[in-house]
Protein backbone atom coordinates (compact mmCIF):
# COMPACT_ATOMS: atom_id res chain seq x y z
CA UNK A 1 -3.23 15.97 13.39
CA UNK A 2 -1.61 14.82 16.68
CA UNK A 3 -4.56 12.51 17.37
CA UNK A 4 -3.98 10.80 14.03
CA UNK A 5 -0.33 10.14 14.89
CA UNK A 6 -1.22 8.77 18.35
CA UNK A 7 -3.43 6.10 16.77
CA UNK A 8 -0.63 4.63 14.67
CA UNK A 9 1.31 1.54 15.77
CA UNK A 10 4.42 1.33 13.60
CA UNK A 11 5.60 -1.82 15.38
CA UNK A 12 2.97 -3.97 13.70
CA UNK A 13 3.99 -6.40 10.98
CA UNK A 14 2.58 -5.72 7.51
CA UNK A 15 0.43 -8.72 6.62
CA UNK A 16 -1.03 -9.00 3.13
CA UNK A 17 -4.42 -10.67 2.75
CA UNK A 18 -6.25 -11.90 -0.33
CA UNK A 19 -4.85 -13.47 -3.46
CA UNK A 20 -1.17 -12.50 -3.66
CA UNK A 21 -1.22 -13.47 -7.34
CA UNK A 22 -4.10 -11.12 -8.24
CA UNK A 23 -5.55 -8.64 -5.73
CA UNK A 24 -4.41 -8.15 -2.15
CA UNK A 25 -4.67 -5.69 0.73
CA UNK A 26 -2.75 -4.98 3.91
CA UNK A 27 -3.86 -2.80 6.81
CA UNK A 28 -0.99 -1.34 8.81
CA UNK A 29 -0.80 1.51 11.32
CA UNK A 30 -3.98 3.17 10.09
CA UNK A 31 -2.95 2.81 6.46
CA UNK A 32 -4.37 0.56 3.77
CA UNK A 33 -1.98 -0.83 1.17
CA UNK A 34 -3.36 -2.36 -2.01
CA UNK A 35 -1.77 -4.23 -4.90
CA UNK A 36 -3.55 -5.60 -7.93
CA UNK A 37 -2.49 -7.42 -11.09
CA UNK A 38 -3.62 -5.40 -14.10
CA UNK A 39 -2.39 -6.94 -17.36
CA UNK A 40 0.63 -8.85 -18.62
CA UNK A 41 3.07 -8.60 -15.69
CA UNK A 42 2.09 -5.04 -14.74
CA UNK A 43 0.82 -4.43 -11.20
CA UNK A 44 -0.94 -1.40 -9.72
CA UNK A 45 -0.40 -0.45 -6.08
CA UNK A 46 -1.74 2.28 -3.81
CA UNK A 47 -1.45 3.44 -0.18
CA UNK A 48 -4.33 5.18 1.63
CA UNK A 49 -4.45 6.86 5.04
CA UNK A 50 -7.52 5.42 6.75
CA UNK A 51 -7.10 7.72 9.75
CA UNK A 52 -7.11 10.84 7.61
CA UNK A 53 -10.28 10.62 5.49
CA UNK A 54 -8.84 7.76 3.39
CA UNK A 55 -6.65 10.16 1.44
CA UNK A 56 -4.44 8.57 -1.18
CA UNK A 57 -0.81 8.90 -0.15
CA UNK A 58 0.76 7.51 -3.33
CA UNK A 59 0.14 5.00 -6.09
CA UNK A 60 1.80 3.44 -9.10
CA UNK A 61 -0.23 5.85 -11.24
CA UNK A 62 2.17 8.61 -10.17
CA UNK A 63 5.22 6.90 -11.70
CA UNK A 64 6.43 6.47 -15.27
CA UNK A 65 7.95 3.09 -14.44
CA UNK A 66 5.95 -0.13 -14.57
CA UNK A 67 5.87 -2.34 -11.52
CA UNK A 68 6.36 -5.89 -12.75
CA UNK A 69 5.12 -8.62 -10.43
CA UNK A 70 3.15 -8.67 -7.21
CA UNK A 71 6.17 -8.84 -4.94
CA UNK A 72 7.63 -5.67 -6.48
CA UNK A 73 4.29 -3.84 -6.17
CA UNK A 74 3.78 -4.90 -2.55
CA UNK A 75 7.34 -3.96 -1.68
CA UNK A 76 6.92 -0.45 -3.15
CA UNK A 77 3.62 0.04 -1.29
CA UNK A 78 5.32 -1.02 1.96
CA UNK A 79 8.24 1.35 1.30
CA UNK A 80 5.87 4.28 0.76
CA UNK A 81 3.81 3.40 3.85
CA UNK A 82 6.90 3.23 6.06
CA UNK A 83 8.24 6.53 4.71
CA UNK A 84 4.87 8.19 5.38
């Protein structure tokens, strides 16, 4: 577990790539953040730990609330990643 922590650089800026209006990804500190427009204004998001067998840390599927808009989804993914 200590080796995993050593490989993380929390000083990096989170930079989203792809279509911010449809499907985008950010790689940050050994994590992968994803956000994708699903239907109407609803967005799905997820955070994976790429340095720990790509385990899923959290996603919008775990919440009763709907995440409306890409900016809201990306912001929640970033919040979860930083807390992790």
